[in-house]
């Protein structure tokens, strides 16, 4: 595989990992649980397990986002390793 194709593929994998990290860690585990918790509180249907689960998701969101980003970064470096040249 040529150097340019590996570089383009590597960039695509890295950007995919970055976008997935923002989506999973930022939206699914941070914004969405807070939004639903506020909605449930406003409607008067908030339960303790729901509140605890939302708090756990918010606490773990940055760790999960970092994990997803690292997987994309490692895969990107595996595809395009500058030591191969």
PDB file of N, CA and C in Angstrom:
ATOM      1  N   UNK A   1       0.845  -1.170   0.000  1.00  0.00           N
ATOM      2  CA  UNK A   1       0.000   0.000   0.000  1.00  0.00           C
ATOM      3  C   UNK A   1       0.893   1.236   0.000  1.00  0.00           C
ATOM      4  N   UNK A   2       0.545   2.204  -0.784  1.00  0.00           N
ATOM      5  CA  UNK A   2       1.394   3.381  -0.890  1.00  0.00           C
ATOM      6  C   UNK A   2       1.268   4.261   0.362  1.00  0.00           C
ATOM      7  N   UNK A   3       2.230   5.127   0.511  1.00  0.00           N
ATOM      8  CA  UNK A   3       2.300   6.001   1.691  1.00  0.00           C
ATOM      9  C   UNK A   3       1.100   6.933   1.766  1.00  0.00           C
ATOM     10  N   UNK A   4       0.668   7.494   0.644  1.00  0.00           N
ATOM     11  CA  UNK A   4      -0.458   8.431   0.645  1.00  0.00           C
ATOM     12  C   UNK A   4      -1.771   7.754   1.021  1.00  0.00           C
ATOM     13  N   UNK A   5      -1.979   6.548   0.527  1.00  0.00           N
ATOM     14  CA  UNK A   5      -3.202   5.824   0.860  1.00  0.00           C
ATOM     15  C   UNK A   5      -3.224   5.485   2.341  1.00  0.00           C
ATOM     16  N   UNK A   6      -2.087   5.057   2.882  1.00  0.00           N
ATOM     17  CA  UNK A   6      -2.016   4.768   4.317  1.00  0.00           C
ATOM     18  C   UNK A   6      -2.268   6.019   5.143  1.00  0.00           C
ATOM     19  N   UNK A   7      -1.755   7.159   4.691  1.00  0.00           N
ATOM     20  CA  UNK A   7      -1.951   8.400   5.431  1.00  0.00           C
ATOM     21  C   UNK A   7      -3.421   8.813   5.422  1.00  0.00           C
ATOM     22  N   UNK A   8      -4.074   8.716   4.277  1.00  0.00           N
ATOM     23  CA  UNK A   8      -5.486   9.070   4.174  1.00  0.00           C
ATOM     24  C   UNK A   8      -6.340   8.121   5.013  1.00  0.00           C
ATOM     25  N   UNK A   9      -6.063   6.838   4.933  1.00  0.00           N
ATOM     26  CA  UNK A   9      -6.793   5.857   5.723  1.00  0.00           C
ATOM     27  C   UNK A   9      -6.569   6.079   7.216  1.00  0.00           C
ATOM     28  N   UNK A  10      -5.359   6.398   7.580  1.00  0.00           N
ATOM     29  CA  UNK A  10      -5.033   6.678   8.972  1.00  0.00           C
ATOM     30  C   UNK A  10      -5.781   7.905   9.487  1.00  0.00           C
ATOM     31  N   UNK A  11      -5.829   8.962   8.686  1.00  0.00           N
ATOM     32  CA  UNK A  11      -6.559  10.167   9.080  1.00  0.00           C
ATOM     33  C   UNK A  11      -8.061   9.892   9.214  1.00  0.00           C
ATOM     34  N   UNK A  12      -8.605   9.087   8.304  1.00  0.00           N
ATOM     35  CA  UNK A  12     -10.027   8.756   8.358  1.00  0.00           C
ATOM     36  C   UNK A  12     -10.353   7.966   9.624  1.00  0.00           C
ATOM     37  N   UNK A  13      -9.493   7.018   9.986  1.00  0.00           N
ATOM     38  CA  UNK A  13      -9.704   6.231  11.193  1.00  0.00           C
ATOM     39  C   UNK A  13      -9.580   7.117  12.434  1.00  0.00           C
ATOM     40  N   UNK A  14      -8.600   8.007  12.439  1.00  0.00           N
ATOM     41  CA  UNK A  14      -8.420   8.908  13.578  1.00  0.00           C
ATOM     42  C   UNK A  14      -9.634   9.824  13.748  1.00  0.00           C
ATOM     43  N   UNK A  15     -10.115  10.414  12.653  1.00  0.00           N
ATOM     44  CA  UNK A  15     -11.280  11.295  12.733  1.00  0.00           C
ATOM     45  C   UNK A  15     -12.534  10.533  13.145  1.00  0.00           C
ATOM     46  N   UNK A  16     -12.668   9.303  12.684  1.00  0.00           N
ATOM     47  CA  UNK A  16     -13.801   8.478  13.089  1.00  0.00           C
ATOM     48  C   UNK A  16     -13.760   8.212  14.596  1.00  0.00           C
ATOM     49  N   UNK A  17     -12.585   7.901  15.125  1.00  0.00           N
ATOM     50  CA  UNK A  17     -12.437   7.688  16.562  1.00  0.00           C
ATOM     51  C   UNK A  17     -12.713   8.945  17.354  1.00  0.00           C
ATOM     52  N   UNK A  18     -12.261  10.089  16.843  1.00  0.00           N
ATOM     53  CA  UNK A  18     -12.480  11.363  17.518  1.00  0.00           C
ATOM     54  C   UNK A  18     -13.960  11.720  17.558  1.00  0.00           C
ATOM     55  N   UNK A  19     -14.633  11.562  16.432  1.00  0.00           N
ATOM     56  CA  UNK A  19     -16.060  11.871  16.362  1.00  0.00           C
ATOM     57  C   UNK A  19     -16.860  10.886  17.219  1.00  0.00           C
ATOM     58  N   UNK A  20     -16.475   9.612  17.207  1.00  0.00           N
ATOM     59  CA  UNK A  20     -17.156   8.620  18.034  1.00  0.00           C
ATOM     60  C   UNK A  20     -16.963   8.927  19.518  1.00  0.00           C
ATOM     61  N   UNK A  21     -15.779   9.399  19.895  1.00  0.00           N
ATOM     62  CA  UNK A  21     -15.523   9.756  21.295  1.00  0.00           C
ATOM     63  C   UNK A  21     -16.401  10.919  21.726  1.00  0.00           C
ATOM     64  N   UNK A  22     -16.554  11.912  20.861  1.00  0.00           N
ATOM     65  CA  UNK A  22     -17.417  13.047  21.194  1.00  0.00           C
ATOM     66  C   UNK A  22     -18.874  12.595  21.287  1.00  0.00           C
ATOM     67  N   UNK A  23     -19.300  11.743  20.376  1.00  0.00           N
ATOM     68  CA  UNK A  23     -20.688  11.283  20.381  1.00  0.00           C
ATOM     69  C   UNK A  23     -20.978  10.404  21.598  1.00  0.00           C
ATOM     70  N   UNK A  24     -20.146   9.418  21.837  1.00  0.00           N
ATOM     71  CA  UNK A  24     -20.406   8.480  22.931  1.00  0.00           C
ATOM     72  C   UNK A  24     -20.184   9.139  24.289  1.00  0.00           C
ATOM     73  N   UNK A  25     -19.021   9.763  24.463  1.00  0.00           N
ATOM     74  CA  UNK A  25     -18.717  10.361  25.752  1.00  0.00           C
ATOM     75  C   UNK A  25     -19.448  11.657  26.012  1.00  0.00           C
ATOM     76  N   UNK A  26     -19.611  12.463  24.984  1.00  0.00           N
ATOM     77  CA  UNK A  26     -20.235  13.760  25.167  1.00  0.00           C
ATOM     78  C   UNK A  26     -21.744  13.724  25.119  1.00  0.00           C
ATOM     79  N   UNK A  27     -22.299  13.090  24.087  1.00  0.00           N
ATOM     80  CA  UNK A  27     -23.747  13.111  23.922  1.00  0.00           C
ATOM     81  C   UNK A  27     -24.428  11.992  24.704  1.00  0.00           C
ATOM     82  N   UNK A  28     -24.049  10.734  24.438  1.00  0.00           N
ATOM     83  CA  UNK A  28     -24.755   9.605  25.044  1.00  0.00           C
ATOM     84  C   UNK A  28     -24.552   9.500  26.549  1.00  0.00           C
ATOM     85  N   UNK A  29     -23.367   9.871  27.030  1.00  0.00           N
ATOM     86  CA  UNK A  29     -23.092   9.665  28.444  1.00  0.00           C
ATOM     87  C   UNK A  29     -23.073  10.937  29.278  1.00  0.00           C
ATOM     88  N   UNK A  30     -23.141  12.111  28.666  1.00  0.00           N
ATOM     89  CA  UNK A  30     -23.130  13.343  29.448  1.00  0.00           C
ATOM     90  C   UNK A  30     -24.382  14.181  29.222  1.00  0.00           C
ATOM     91  N   UNK A  31     -24.610  14.604  28.002  1.00  0.00           N
ATOM     92  CA  UNK A  31     -25.709  15.530  27.729  1.00  0.00           C
ATOM     93  C   UNK A  31     -27.067  14.837  27.829  1.00  0.00           C
ATOM     94  N   UNK A  32     -27.188  13.677  27.219  1.00  0.00           N
ATOM     95  CA  UNK A  32     -28.479  12.993  27.185  1.00  0.00           C
ATOM     96  C   UNK A  32     -28.992  12.601  28.581  1.00  0.00           C
ATOM     97  N   UNK A  33     -28.166  12.005  29.464  1.00  0.00           N
ATOM     98  CA  UNK A  33     -28.667  11.692  30.807  1.00  0.00           C
ATOM     99  C   UNK A  33     -29.048  12.937  31.613  1.00  0.00           C
ATOM    100  N   UNK A  34     -28.293  14.013  31.458  1.00  0.00           N
ATOM    101  CA  UNK A  34     -28.639  15.243  32.166  1.00  0.00           C
ATOM    102  C   UNK A  34     -29.962  15.792  31.646  1.00  0.00           C
ATOM    103  N   UNK A  35     -30.129  15.754  30.339  1.00  0.00           N
ATOM    104  CA  UNK A  35     -31.374  16.231  29.725  1.00  0.00           C
ATOM    105  C   UNK A  35     -32.575  15.423  30.217  1.00  0.00           C
ATOM    106  N   UNK A  36     -32.454  14.092  30.230  1.00  0.00           N
ATOM    107  CA  UNK A  36     -33.550  13.252  30.685  1.00  0.00           C
ATOM    108  C   UNK A  36     -33.798  13.394  32.182  1.00  0.00           C
ATOM    109  N   UNK A  37     -32.759  13.604  32.959  1.00  0.00           N
ATOM    110  CA  UNK A  37     -32.922  13.799  34.399  1.00  0.00           C
ATOM    111  C   UNK A  37     -33.664  15.101  34.682  1.00  0.00           C
ATOM    112  N   UNK A  38     -33.313  16.160  33.980  1.00  0.00           N
ATOM    113  CA  UNK A  38     -34.009  17.430  34.148  1.00  0.00           C
ATOM    114  C   UNK A  38     -35.466  17.304  33.718  1.00  0.00           C
ATOM    115  N   UNK A  39     -35.704  16.599  32.623  1.00  0.00           N
ATOM    116  CA  UNK A  39     -37.074  16.395  32.152  1.00  0.00           C
ATOM    117  C   UNK A  39     -37.890  15.586  33.160  1.00  0.00           C
ATOM    118  N   UNK A  40     -37.300  14.514  33.690  1.00  0.00           N
ATOM    119  CA  UNK A  40     -38.009  13.685  34.670  1.00  0.00           C
ATOM    120  C   UNK A  40     -38.271  14.469  35.957  1.00  0.00           C
ATOM    121  N   UNK A  41     -37.334  15.293  36.374  1.00  0.00           N
ATOM    122  CA  UNK A  41     -37.537  16.118  37.565  1.00  0.00           C
ATOM    123  C   UNK A  41     -38.669  17.127  37.340  1.00  0.00           C
ATOM    124  N   UNK A  42     -38.674  17.724  36.166  1.00  0.00           N
ATOM    125  CA  UNK A  42     -39.713  18.707  35.843  1.00  0.00           C
ATOM    126  C   UNK A  42     -41.093  18.059  35.820  1.00  0.00           C
ATOM    127  N   UNK A  43     -41.167  16.840  35.289  1.00  0.00           N
ATOM    128  CA  UNK A  43     -42.449  16.131  35.232  1.00  0.00           C
ATOM    129  C   UNK A  43     -42.827  15.487  36.561  1.00  0.00           C
ATOM    130  N   UNK A  44     -41.888  15.405  37.495  1.00  0.00           N
ATOM    131  CA  UNK A  44     -42.158  14.794  38.795  1.00  0.00           C
ATOM    132  C   UNK A  44     -42.055  13.290  38.786  1.00  0.00           C
ATOM    133  N   UNK A  45     -41.357  12.712  37.803  1.00  0.00           N
ATOM    134  CA  UNK A  45     -41.238  11.254  37.708  1.00  0.00           C
ATOM    135  C   UNK A  45     -39.819  10.765  37.962  1.00  0.00           C
ATOM    136  N   UNK A  46     -38.981  11.596  38.530  1.00  0.00           N
ATOM    137  CA  UNK A  46     -37.583  11.224  38.768  1.00  0.00           C
ATOM    138  C   UNK A  46     -37.500  10.234  39.918  1.00  0.00           C
ATOM    139  N   UNK A  47     -36.802   9.118  39.689  1.00  0.00           N
ATOM    140  CA  UNK A  47     -36.590   8.121  40.732  1.00  0.00           C
ATOM    141  C   UNK A  47     -35.126   8.121  41.134  1.00  0.00           C
ATOM    142  N   UNK A  48     -34.840   7.553  42.294  1.00  0.00           N
ATOM    143  CA  UNK A  48     -33.466   7.506  42.795  1.00  0.00           C
ATOM    144  C   UNK A  48     -32.572   6.660  41.882  1.00  0.00           C
ATOM    145  N   UNK A  49     -33.000   5.464  41.454  1.00  0.00           N
ATOM    146  CA  UNK A  49     -32.132   4.708  40.540  1.00  0.00           C
ATOM    147  C   UNK A  49     -31.822   5.452  39.243  1.00  0.00           C
ATOM    148  N   UNK A  50     -32.787   6.179  38.733  1.00  0.00           N
ATOM    149  CA  UNK A  50     -32.568   6.963  37.517  1.00  0.00           C
ATOM    150  C   UNK A  50     -31.547   8.062  37.764  1.00  0.00           C
ATOM    151  N   UNK A  51     -31.628   8.698  38.912  1.00  0.00           N
ATOM    152  CA  UNK A  51     -30.685   9.754  39.267  1.00  0.00           C
ATOM    153  C   UNK A  51     -29.281   9.194  39.479  1.00  0.00           C
ATOM    154  N   UNK A  52     -29.177   8.049  40.139  1.00  0.00           N
ATOM    155  CA  UNK A  52     -27.874   7.421  40.374  1.00  0.00           C
ATOM    156  C   UNK A  52     -27.240   6.986  39.057  1.00  0.00           C
ATOM    157  N   UNK A  53     -28.025   6.393  38.180  1.00  0.00           N
ATOM    158  CA  UNK A  53     -27.502   5.960  36.884  1.00  0.00           C
ATOM    159  C   UNK A  53     -27.016   7.149  36.057  1.00  0.00           C
ATOM    160  N   UNK A  54     -27.758   8.236  36.083  1.00  0.00           N
ATOM    161  CA  UNK A  54     -27.338   9.438  35.354  1.00  0.00           C
ATOM    162  C   UNK A  54     -26.047   9.995  35.939  1.00  0.00           C
ATOM    163  N   UNK A  55     -25.914   9.978  37.257  1.00  0.00           N
ATOM    164  CA  UNK A  55     -24.682  10.467  37.889  1.00  0.00           C
ATOM    165  C   UNK A  55     -23.489   9.590  37.523  1.00  0.00           C
ATOM    166  N   UNK A  56     -23.679   8.281  37.506  1.00  0.00           N
ATOM    167  CA  UNK A  56     -22.591   7.367  37.134  1.00  0.00           C
ATOM    168  C   UNK A  56     -22.184   7.589  35.678  1.00  0.00           C
ATOM    169  N   UNK A  57     -23.154   7.757  34.811  1.00  0.00           N
ATOM    170  CA  UNK A  57     -22.847   8.019  33.400  1.00  0.00           C
ATOM    171  C   UNK A  57     -22.061   9.311  33.240  1.00  0.00           C
ATOM    172  N   UNK A  58     -22.453  10.338  33.957  1.00  0.00           N
ATOM    173  CA  UNK A  58     -21.748  11.626  33.853  1.00  0.00           C
ATOM    174  C   UNK A  58     -20.324  11.528  34.378  1.00  0.00           C
ATOM    175  N   UNK A  59     -20.138  10.797  35.470  1.00  0.00           N
ATOM    176  CA  UNK A  59     -18.799  10.646  36.041  1.00  0.00           C
ATOM    177  C   UNK A  59     -17.893   9.859  35.098  1.00  0.00           C
ATOM    178  N   UNK A  60     -18.432   8.828  34.471  1.00  0.00           N
ATOM    179  CA  UNK A  60     -17.626   7.957  33.603  1.00  0.00           C
ATOM    180  C   UNK A  60     -17.515   8.452  32.168  1.00  0.00           C
ATOM    181  N   UNK A  61     -18.183   9.532  31.824  1.00  0.00           N
ATOM    182  CA  UNK A  61     -18.247   9.955  30.425  1.00  0.00           C
ATOM    183  C   UNK A  61     -16.870  10.314  29.859  1.00  0.00           C
ATOM    184  N   UNK A  62     -16.053  11.025  30.616  1.00  0.00           N
ATOM    185  CA  UNK A  62     -14.735  11.396  30.100  1.00  0.00           C
ATOM    186  C   UNK A  62     -13.814  10.189  29.962  1.00  0.00           C
ATOM    187  N   UNK A  63     -13.940   9.233  30.863  1.00  0.00           N
ATOM    188  CA  UNK A  63     -13.128   8.023  30.763  1.00  0.00           C
ATOM    189  C   UNK A  63     -13.486   7.229  29.521  1.00  0.00           C
ATOM    190  N   UNK A  64     -14.767   7.083  29.263  1.00  0.00           N
ATOM    191  CA  UNK A  64     -15.214   6.347  28.075  1.00  0.00           C
ATOM    192  C   UNK A  64     -14.830   7.097  26.801  1.00  0.00           C
ATOM    193  N   UNK A  65     -14.976   8.418  26.817  1.00  0.00           N
ATOM    194  CA  UNK A  65     -14.581   9.209  25.649  1.00  0.00           C
ATOM    195  C   UNK A  65     -13.090   9.052  25.385  1.00  0.00           C
ATOM    196  N   UNK A  66     -12.289   9.072  26.429  1.00  0.00           N
ATOM    197  CA  UNK A  66     -10.847   8.872  26.272  1.00  0.00           C
ATOM    198  C   UNK A  66     -10.512   7.495  25.754  1.00  0.00           C
ATOM    199  N   UNK A  67     -11.232   6.487  26.218  1.00  0.00           N
ATOM    200  CA  UNK A  67     -11.003   5.118  25.745  1.00  0.00           C
ATOM    201  C   UNK A  67     -11.319   4.991  24.259  1.00  0.00           C
ATOM    202  N   UNK A  68     -12.445   5.539  23.834  1.00  0.00           N
ATOM    203  CA  UNK A  68     -12.826   5.466  22.423  1.00  0.00           C
ATOM    204  C   UNK A  68     -11.814   6.224  21.568  1.00  0.00           C
ATOM    205  N   UNK A  69     -11.394   7.404  22.028  1.00  0.00           N
ATOM    206  CA  UNK A  69     -10.398   8.174  21.285  1.00  0.00           C
ATOM    207  C   UNK A  69      -9.081   7.404  21.199  1.00  0.00           C
ATOM    208  N   UNK A  70      -8.660   6.780  22.286  1.00  0.00           N
ATOM    209  CA  UNK A  70      -7.405   6.019  22.279  1.00  0.00           C
ATOM    210  C   UNK A  70      -7.463   4.839  21.313  1.00  0.00           C
ATOM    211  N   UNK A  71      -8.598   4.181  21.247  1.00  0.00           N
ATOM    212  CA  UNK A  71      -8.739   3.066  20.304  1.00  0.00           C
ATOM    213  C   UNK A  71      -8.582   3.568  18.877  1.00  0.00           C
ATOM    214  N   UNK A  72      -9.207   4.692  18.558  1.00  0.00           N
ATOM    215  CA  UNK A  72      -9.045   5.281  17.224  1.00  0.00           C
ATOM    216  C   UNK A  72      -7.624   5.712  16.954  1.00  0.00           C
ATOM    217  N   UNK A  73      -6.973   6.286  17.957  1.00  0.00           N
ATOM    218  CA  UNK A  73      -5.591   6.738  17.813  1.00  0.00           C
ATOM    219  C   UNK A  73      -4.639   5.562  17.603  1.00  0.00           C
ATOM    220  N   UNK A  74      -4.818   4.516  18.367  1.00  0.00           N
ATOM    221  CA  UNK A  74      -3.961   3.329  18.229  1.00  0.00           C
ATOM    222  C   UNK A  74      -4.179   2.672  16.871  1.00  0.00           C
ATOM    223  N   UNK A  75      -5.434   2.566  16.439  1.00  0.00           N
ATOM    224  CA  UNK A  75      -5.711   1.980  15.124  1.00  0.00           C
ATOM    225  C   UNK A  75      -5.108   2.842  14.020  1.00  0.00           C
ATOM    226  N   UNK A  76      -5.178   4.150  14.181  1.00  0.00           N
ATOM    227  CA  UNK A  76      -4.602   5.064  13.202  1.00  0.00           C
ATOM    228  C   UNK A  76      -3.089   4.890  13.115  1.00  0.00           C
ATOM    229  N   UNK A  77      -2.438   4.796  14.260  1.00  0.00           N
ATOM    230  CA  UNK A  77      -0.989   4.606  14.262  1.00  0.00           C
ATOM    231  C   UNK A  77      -0.588   3.226  13.744  1.00  0.00           C
ATOM    232  N   UNK A  78      -1.466   2.254  13.939  1.00  0.00           N
ATOM    233  CA  UNK A  78      -1.166   0.925  13.426  1.00  0.00           C
ATOM    234  C   UNK A  78      -1.195   0.910  11.897  1.00  0.00           C
ATOM    235  N   UNK A  79      -2.115   1.656  11.312  1.00  0.00           N
ATOM    236  CA  UNK A  79      -2.216   1.727   9.849  1.00  0.00           C
ATOM    237  C   UNK A  79      -1.041   2.507   9.273  1.00  0.00           C
ATOM    238  N   UNK A  80      -0.775   3.679   9.860  1.00  0.00           N
ATOM    239  CA  UNK A  80       0.297   4.523   9.328  1.00  0.00           C
ATOM    240  C   UNK A  80       1.400   4.607  10.362  1.00  0.00           C
ATOM    241  N   UNK A  81       2.363   3.752  10.253  1.00  0.00           N
ATOM    242  CA  UNK A  81       3.507   3.747  11.156  1.00  0.00           C
ATOM    243  C   UNK A  81       4.683   4.346  10.409  1.00  0.00           C
ATOM    244  N   UNK A  82       5.159   5.512  10.851  1.00  0.00           N
ATOM    245  CA  UNK A  82       6.236   6.209  10.131  1.00  0.00           C
ATOM    246  C   UNK A  82       7.557   5.449  10.200  1.00  0.00           C
ATOM    247  N   UNK A  83       7.658   4.471  11.091  1.00  0.00           N
ATOM    248  CA  UNK A  83       8.906   3.699  11.169  1.00  0.00           C
ATOM    249  C   UNK A  83       9.043   2.734   9.984  1.00  0.00           C
ATOM    250  N   UNK A  84       7.940   2.507   9.258  1.00  0.00           N
ATOM    251  CA  UNK A  84       7.988   1.577   8.120  1.00  0.00           C
ATOM    252  C   UNK A  84       8.765   2.177   6.940  1.00  0.00           C
ATOM    253  N   UNK A  85       8.960   3.468   6.942  1.00  0.00           N
ATOM    254  CA  UNK A  85       9.600   4.110   5.778  1.00  0.00           C
ATOM    255  C   UNK A  85      11.094   3.982   5.823  1.00  0.00           C
TER     256      UNK A  85
END
